[in-house]
N, C-alpha and C. Protein backbone atom coordinates (compact mmCIF):
# COMPACT_ATOMS: atom_id res chain seq x y z
N GLN A 1 -139.95 58.59 30.97
CA GLN A 1 -138.42 57.89 31.36
C GLN A 1 -138.26 58.39 31.83
N VAL A 2 -137.74 58.55 33.31
CA VAL A 2 -136.74 59.37 34.26
C VAL A 2 -135.85 59.64 33.48
N GLN A 3 -135.16 60.68 32.92
CA GLN A 3 -133.27 59.83 32.65
C GLN A 3 -132.60 61.39 33.50
N LEU A 4 -131.13 61.67 33.90
CA LEU A 4 -130.55 62.66 34.38
C LEU A 4 -129.26 62.75 33.59
N VAL A 5 -129.03 63.90 33.20
CA VAL A 5 -127.90 64.02 32.46
C VAL A 5 -127.05 65.11 33.12
N GLU A 6 -126.04 64.79 33.79
CA GLU A 6 -125.24 65.71 33.64
C GLU A 6 -123.88 66.35 33.04
N SER A 7 -123.63 67.77 33.76
CA SER A 7 -122.47 68.35 32.22
C SER A 7 -122.08 69.30 33.62
N GLY A 8 -121.04 70.14 32.47
CA GLY A 8 -120.31 70.75 33.09
C GLY A 8 -118.84 70.70 34.03
N GLY A 9 -118.18 69.13 34.23
CA GLY A 9 -117.04 68.86 34.98
C GLY A 9 -116.28 69.42 33.93
N GLY A 10 -115.00 69.41 34.41
CA GLY A 10 -114.01 69.91 33.72
C GLY A 10 -112.36 69.52 34.43
N LEU A 11 -111.21 70.09 34.21
CA LEU A 11 -110.42 70.37 34.77
C LEU A 11 -110.62 71.94 35.47
N VAL A 12 -109.79 72.50 36.72
CA VAL A 12 -110.19 73.61 37.12
C VAL A 12 -108.56 73.55 37.81
N GLN A 13 -108.41 74.44 38.32
CA GLN A 13 -107.32 74.95 39.17
C GLN A 13 -107.61 75.64 40.92
N PRO A 14 -107.16 74.91 41.38
CA PRO A 14 -107.48 75.12 43.22
C PRO A 14 -107.61 76.70 43.27
N GLY A 15 -109.09 76.43 43.97
CA GLY A 15 -109.50 77.96 44.31
C GLY A 15 -109.93 78.54 42.55
N GLY A 16 -110.34 77.77 41.63
CA GLY A 16 -110.37 77.69 40.70
C GLY A 16 -113.14 77.46 40.83
N SER A 17 -113.91 78.25 40.19
CA SER A 17 -114.90 77.61 39.63
C SER A 17 -115.66 76.56 38.72
N LEU A 18 -116.59 75.67 39.13
CA LEU A 18 -117.27 75.79 38.14
C LEU A 18 -118.97 75.18 38.52
N ARG A 19 -119.85 74.98 37.29
CA ARG A 19 -121.24 74.99 37.57
C ARG A 19 -121.84 73.73 36.87
N LEU A 20 -121.95 72.83 37.89
CA LEU A 20 -122.66 71.25 37.16
C LEU A 20 -123.87 71.34 37.07
N SER A 21 -124.32 70.87 35.76
CA SER A 21 -125.85 71.01 35.74
C SER A 21 -126.21 69.45 35.74
N CYS A 22 -127.95 69.29 35.82
CA CYS A 22 -128.49 68.35 36.06
C CYS A 22 -129.43 68.36 35.60
N ALA A 23 -129.73 67.71 34.40
CA ALA A 23 -131.25 68.24 33.16
C ALA A 23 -131.80 66.87 33.24
N ALA A 24 -133.37 66.97 33.78
CA ALA A 24 -134.12 66.07 34.02
C ALA A 24 -135.11 65.81 32.57
N SER A 25 -135.38 64.90 32.33
CA SER A 25 -136.69 64.45 30.94
C SER A 25 -137.15 63.41 31.54
N GLY A 26 -138.49 63.29 31.25
CA GLY A 26 -139.71 62.39 31.71
C GLY A 26 -140.36 62.81 32.80
N PHE A 27 -139.91 63.74 34.02
CA PHE A 27 -140.56 63.99 34.60
C PHE A 27 -140.97 65.66 35.60
N THR A 28 -141.36 65.70 36.04
CA THR A 28 -141.60 67.45 36.90
C THR A 28 -139.99 67.69 37.82
N LEU A 29 -138.95 67.98 38.08
CA LEU A 29 -137.79 67.85 38.60
C LEU A 29 -138.75 68.55 39.90
N ASP A 30 -139.55 69.38 39.90
CA ASP A 30 -139.67 70.31 40.88
C ASP A 30 -140.22 69.09 42.45
N TYR A 31 -141.54 68.24 41.77
CA TYR A 31 -142.00 67.42 42.51
C TYR A 31 -140.81 65.56 42.95
N TYR A 32 -139.50 65.68 42.77
CA TYR A 32 -138.31 65.02 43.22
C TYR A 32 -137.59 66.02 43.97
N SER A 33 -136.80 65.37 45.12
CA SER A 33 -135.71 65.73 45.94
C SER A 33 -134.90 65.41 44.89
N ILE A 34 -133.40 65.83 45.03
CA ILE A 34 -132.95 66.13 44.33
C ILE A 34 -131.25 66.11 44.89
N GLY A 35 -130.60 64.77 44.24
CA GLY A 35 -128.95 64.73 45.29
C GLY A 35 -128.21 64.94 44.50
N TRP A 36 -127.30 65.59 44.65
CA TRP A 36 -125.74 65.36 44.15
C TRP A 36 -124.48 64.30 44.71
N PHE A 37 -123.99 63.81 44.55
CA PHE A 37 -123.56 62.69 44.92
C PHE A 37 -121.67 62.89 43.92
N ARG A 38 -120.94 62.72 45.16
CA ARG A 38 -119.40 62.44 44.37
C ARG A 38 -118.51 60.94 44.80
N GLN A 39 -118.13 60.70 44.14
CA GLN A 39 -117.32 59.43 44.49
C GLN A 39 -115.87 59.47 43.67
N VAL A 40 -115.39 59.08 44.73
CA VAL A 40 -113.01 58.83 44.23
C VAL A 40 -113.45 56.76 43.82
N PRO A 41 -112.13 56.55 43.25
CA PRO A 41 -112.21 55.23 43.12
C PRO A 41 -111.21 54.75 44.89
N GLY A 42 -112.37 53.33 44.49
CA GLY A 42 -111.74 52.95 46.06
C GLY A 42 -112.88 53.62 47.32
N LYS A 43 -113.81 54.45 46.78
CA LYS A 43 -114.45 55.50 48.13
C LYS A 43 -115.45 55.28 47.90
N GLU A 44 -116.63 55.08 49.41
CA GLU A 44 -117.73 55.08 49.31
C GLU A 44 -118.86 55.96 48.48
N ARG A 45 -119.52 56.79 47.59
CA ARG A 45 -119.89 57.19 47.17
C ARG A 45 -120.60 58.65 48.13
N GLU A 46 -120.71 59.96 48.14
CA GLU A 46 -120.30 60.82 49.10
C GLU A 46 -121.52 61.80 48.70
N GLY A 47 -122.37 62.52 49.72
CA GLY A 47 -123.86 63.10 49.59
C GLY A 47 -122.95 64.03 49.84
N VAL A 48 -123.29 65.52 48.18
CA VAL A 48 -122.70 66.98 48.76
C VAL A 48 -123.29 67.77 48.94
N SER A 49 -124.71 67.52 48.58
CA SER A 49 -125.89 68.33 48.74
C SER A 49 -127.60 67.71 48.05
N CYS A 50 -128.61 68.24 49.32
CA CYS A 50 -130.02 67.77 48.22
C CYS A 50 -130.69 69.00 48.53
N ILE A 51 -131.48 68.78 47.40
CA ILE A 51 -132.28 69.84 47.46
C ILE A 51 -134.09 69.40 47.39
N ASN A 52 -134.59 69.95 48.45
CA ASN A 52 -136.06 68.96 48.70
C ASN A 52 -137.18 69.01 47.95
N SER A 53 -138.23 68.47 47.50
CA SER A 53 -138.72 68.93 46.40
C SER A 53 -140.14 69.89 47.17
N GLY A 54 -141.00 70.58 46.25
CA GLY A 54 -141.30 71.22 46.21
C GLY A 54 -140.42 72.64 47.09
N ASP A 55 -140.83 72.89 48.15
CA ASP A 55 -139.66 74.37 48.93
C ASP A 55 -138.52 74.81 48.59
N GLY A 56 -137.85 73.53 48.04
CA GLY A 56 -136.59 73.69 47.35
C GLY A 56 -135.52 74.37 48.44
N ILE A 57 -135.78 73.41 49.59
CA ILE A 57 -134.90 73.85 50.68
C ILE A 57 -134.01 73.06 50.12
N THR A 58 -132.62 73.28 50.62
CA THR A 58 -131.30 72.87 50.54
C THR A 58 -130.51 72.34 51.76
N GLN A 59 -129.55 71.49 51.52
CA GLN A 59 -128.86 70.92 52.50
C GLN A 59 -127.64 70.45 51.76
N TYR A 60 -125.87 71.21 52.81
CA TYR A 60 -125.41 70.69 52.37
C TYR A 60 -123.86 70.02 53.14
N ALA A 61 -123.13 68.98 52.76
CA ALA A 61 -122.49 67.96 53.69
C ALA A 61 -121.00 69.12 53.95
N ASP A 62 -121.22 69.15 55.62
CA ASP A 62 -119.73 69.28 55.88
C ASP A 62 -118.83 70.67 55.54
N SER A 63 -118.19 69.29 54.35
CA SER A 63 -117.07 69.64 53.35
C SER A 63 -117.03 70.78 52.28
N VAL A 64 -118.38 71.27 52.29
CA VAL A 64 -118.84 71.84 51.01
C VAL A 64 -119.50 73.37 51.62
N LYS A 65 -119.52 73.08 52.56
CA LYS A 65 -120.38 74.31 53.21
C LYS A 65 -119.98 75.62 52.35
N GLY A 66 -120.19 76.77 52.65
CA GLY A 66 -120.29 78.11 52.26
C GLY A 66 -119.50 77.95 51.09
N ARG A 67 -118.89 77.23 50.40
CA ARG A 67 -118.28 76.43 48.97
C ARG A 67 -119.47 76.24 47.69
N PHE A 68 -120.25 75.32 47.61
CA PHE A 68 -121.04 75.67 46.63
C PHE A 68 -122.55 75.06 47.61
N THR A 69 -123.20 75.80 46.22
CA THR A 69 -124.59 76.11 46.25
C THR A 69 -125.28 75.23 45.19
N MET A 70 -126.33 74.43 45.87
CA MET A 70 -127.07 73.56 44.70
C MET A 70 -128.42 74.91 44.55
N SER A 71 -128.96 75.08 43.38
CA SER A 71 -130.12 75.21 43.32
C SER A 71 -130.57 74.82 41.75
N ARG A 72 -133.00 74.95 41.57
CA ARG A 72 -132.70 74.67 40.58
C ARG A 72 -133.66 75.51 40.03
N ASP A 73 -133.94 75.07 38.33
CA ASP A 73 -134.91 76.01 37.82
C ASP A 73 -135.45 75.31 37.38
N ASN A 74 -136.89 75.93 38.14
CA ASN A 74 -138.24 74.45 37.17
C ASN A 74 -138.70 74.67 35.78
N ALA A 75 -138.17 75.73 35.65
CA ALA A 75 -138.96 76.22 33.76
C ALA A 75 -137.90 75.21 32.90
N LYS A 76 -136.49 75.01 33.47
CA LYS A 76 -135.58 74.12 32.67
C LYS A 76 -135.83 72.74 33.21
N ASN A 77 -136.33 72.74 34.17
CA ASN A 77 -136.25 70.98 34.14
C ASN A 77 -134.34 70.86 34.83
N THR A 78 -134.05 71.95 35.58
CA THR A 78 -132.73 71.64 35.68
C THR A 78 -132.26 72.05 36.56
N VAL A 79 -131.37 71.00 37.37
CA VAL A 79 -130.11 71.61 38.85
C VAL A 79 -129.06 71.71 38.82
N TYR A 80 -128.80 72.92 39.90
CA TYR A 80 -127.16 73.02 39.53
C TYR A 80 -126.40 73.18 40.73
N LEU A 81 -125.42 72.80 40.06
CA LEU A 81 -124.85 73.11 41.49
C LEU A 81 -123.45 73.88 40.63
N GLN A 82 -123.21 74.90 42.05
CA GLN A 82 -122.02 75.86 41.70
C GLN A 82 -121.33 75.72 43.30
N MET A 83 -119.90 75.44 42.32
CA MET A 83 -119.04 75.32 43.11
C MET A 83 -117.63 76.13 42.63
N ASN A 84 -117.33 76.61 44.03
CA ASN A 84 -116.29 77.50 44.33
C ASN A 84 -115.74 77.44 44.99
N SER A 85 -114.12 78.65 45.40
CA SER A 85 -113.14 78.26 46.06
C SER A 85 -112.95 76.06 46.17
N LEU A 86 -112.51 75.56 44.89
CA LEU A 86 -112.98 74.10 45.03
C LEU A 86 -111.07 73.98 45.04
N LYS A 87 -111.44 72.72 45.70
CA LYS A 87 -109.73 72.23 46.32
C LYS A 87 -109.35 71.16 45.37
N PRO A 88 -108.83 71.01 45.68
CA PRO A 88 -108.14 69.28 45.33
C PRO A 88 -108.93 68.24 45.40
N GLU A 89 -109.35 67.94 47.02
CA GLU A 89 -110.16 67.18 47.95
C GLU A 89 -111.33 67.02 47.10
N ASP A 90 -111.40 67.96 46.59
CA ASP A 90 -113.21 67.81 45.66
C ASP A 90 -113.17 66.91 43.91
N THR A 91 -111.92 66.90 43.66
CA THR A 91 -112.14 66.16 42.40
C THR A 91 -112.46 64.56 42.58
N ALA A 92 -113.96 64.43 42.06
CA ALA A 92 -114.34 63.17 41.76
C ALA A 92 -115.69 63.26 40.42
N VAL A 93 -116.09 62.06 40.74
CA VAL A 93 -116.88 62.00 39.41
C VAL A 93 -118.65 62.56 40.46
N TYR A 94 -119.11 63.14 39.74
CA TYR A 94 -119.83 63.89 40.53
C TYR A 94 -121.40 63.49 39.87
N TYR A 95 -122.51 63.12 40.49
CA TYR A 95 -123.83 62.28 40.13
C TYR A 95 -124.42 63.11 40.74
N CYS A 96 -125.79 63.21 39.76
CA CYS A 96 -127.33 63.81 40.32
C CYS A 96 -127.75 62.23 40.32
N ALA A 97 -129.14 62.80 41.85
CA ALA A 97 -129.81 61.43 41.46
C ALA A 97 -131.13 62.32 41.88
N ALA A 98 -132.55 61.45 41.28
CA ALA A 98 -133.35 62.05 41.99
C ALA A 98 -134.02 60.99 42.34
N ASP A 99 -135.50 61.04 43.62
CA ASP A 99 -136.08 60.58 44.21
C ASP A 99 -137.52 60.88 44.44
N PRO A 100 -139.08 60.62 43.98
CA PRO A 100 -139.93 61.32 44.35
C PRO A 100 -140.40 61.04 45.97
N THR A 101 -140.54 60.47 46.55
CA THR A 101 -140.24 60.54 47.73
C THR A 101 -138.98 59.91 49.43
N THR A 102 -137.96 60.73 48.50
CA THR A 102 -136.67 60.79 49.49
C THR A 102 -137.61 61.73 51.07
N LEU A 103 -137.32 61.56 52.24
CA LEU A 103 -137.53 62.96 53.28
C LEU A 103 -136.22 63.95 52.90
N PHE A 104 -136.64 64.83 53.17
CA PHE A 104 -135.63 65.93 53.34
C PHE A 104 -134.52 65.60 54.52
N SER A 105 -134.92 64.91 55.13
CA SER A 105 -133.70 64.56 56.84
C SER A 105 -132.47 63.66 56.42
N LEU A 106 -133.01 62.36 55.15
CA LEU A 106 -132.30 61.64 54.69
C LEU A 106 -131.56 61.54 52.85
N CYS A 107 -132.08 63.02 52.75
CA CYS A 107 -131.80 63.80 51.62
C CYS A 107 -130.20 63.45 51.01
N VAL A 108 -129.43 63.31 51.87
CA VAL A 108 -127.62 63.19 51.22
C VAL A 108 -127.47 62.08 51.43
N LEU A 109 -128.35 60.84 51.90
CA LEU A 109 -128.20 59.64 51.39
C LEU A 109 -128.18 58.79 50.38
N SER A 110 -127.08 58.29 48.99
CA SER A 110 -127.26 57.75 48.29
C SER A 110 -128.35 56.55 48.19
N THR A 111 -128.65 56.29 48.73
CA THR A 111 -129.60 55.04 49.26
C THR A 111 -131.41 55.18 49.14
N GLU A 112 -131.08 56.44 49.00
CA GLU A 112 -132.72 57.61 48.87
C GLU A 112 -133.00 57.60 47.60
N TYR A 113 -132.30 57.11 46.46
CA TYR A 113 -132.42 58.01 45.29
C TYR A 113 -132.78 56.58 44.66
N ASP A 114 -133.66 56.37 44.00
CA ASP A 114 -133.49 55.17 42.46
C ASP A 114 -133.15 55.62 41.41
N TYR A 115 -133.14 57.01 40.88
CA TYR A 115 -132.78 57.33 39.46
C TYR A 115 -130.87 58.63 39.76
N TRP A 116 -130.53 57.90 38.68
CA TRP A 116 -129.01 58.33 38.71
C TRP A 116 -128.89 58.80 37.37
N GLY A 117 -127.70 60.18 36.94
CA GLY A 117 -126.85 60.10 36.05
C GLY A 117 -126.33 59.48 35.96
N GLN A 118 -125.46 59.60 34.51
CA GLN A 118 -123.86 58.96 34.67
C GLN A 118 -123.31 59.71 34.95
N GLY A 119 -122.94 61.02 35.34
CA GLY A 119 -121.95 61.24 36.67
C GLY A 119 -120.96 62.20 35.49
N THR A 120 -120.40 63.31 36.10
CA THR A 120 -119.54 63.92 35.25
C THR A 120 -117.83 64.05 36.19
N GLN A 121 -116.70 63.91 35.14
CA GLN A 121 -116.06 64.37 36.09
C GLN A 121 -115.43 65.60 36.31
N VAL A 122 -115.33 65.98 37.44
CA VAL A 122 -114.44 67.09 38.24
C VAL A 122 -113.11 67.29 38.38
N THR A 123 -112.34 68.05 38.01
CA THR A 123 -110.48 67.23 38.58
C THR A 123 -109.79 68.60 39.00
N VAL A 124 -109.39 68.71 40.05
CA VAL A 124 -109.65 70.10 40.11
C VAL A 124 -107.30 69.85 40.87
N SER A 125 -106.70 70.76 39.85
CA SER A 125 -105.61 70.32 39.83
C SER A 125 -104.56 71.20 39.69
N SER A 126 -103.45 71.38 39.52
CA SER A 126 -102.84 72.82 39.27
C SER A 126 -101.34 72.39 38.49
């Protein structure tokens, strides 16, 4: 059974950092494309970053480039999202998603994923 569990969210001041984790079970993470998404009430889910299966190439939304870094630890079957220089507009529920067939060119699109975690809240506020 494919399962994704996010953790690491919380309250942080502007300019601060958080590291989100997405622990996978029931499948080998390296064989799947993984995406991080975020959503605020009343808005569509937004692609933040994604990592390609196998080669681990990443891509990022323009809004987070240079501030967020996505990485994968195959030994722990876990994906991370290191978030630095956080801004109030980064406040959202963050989700990770997985799919074995997602094309890298489409990996920031939420419609490309079949498996989702439950989400973790990130609040950036002073």
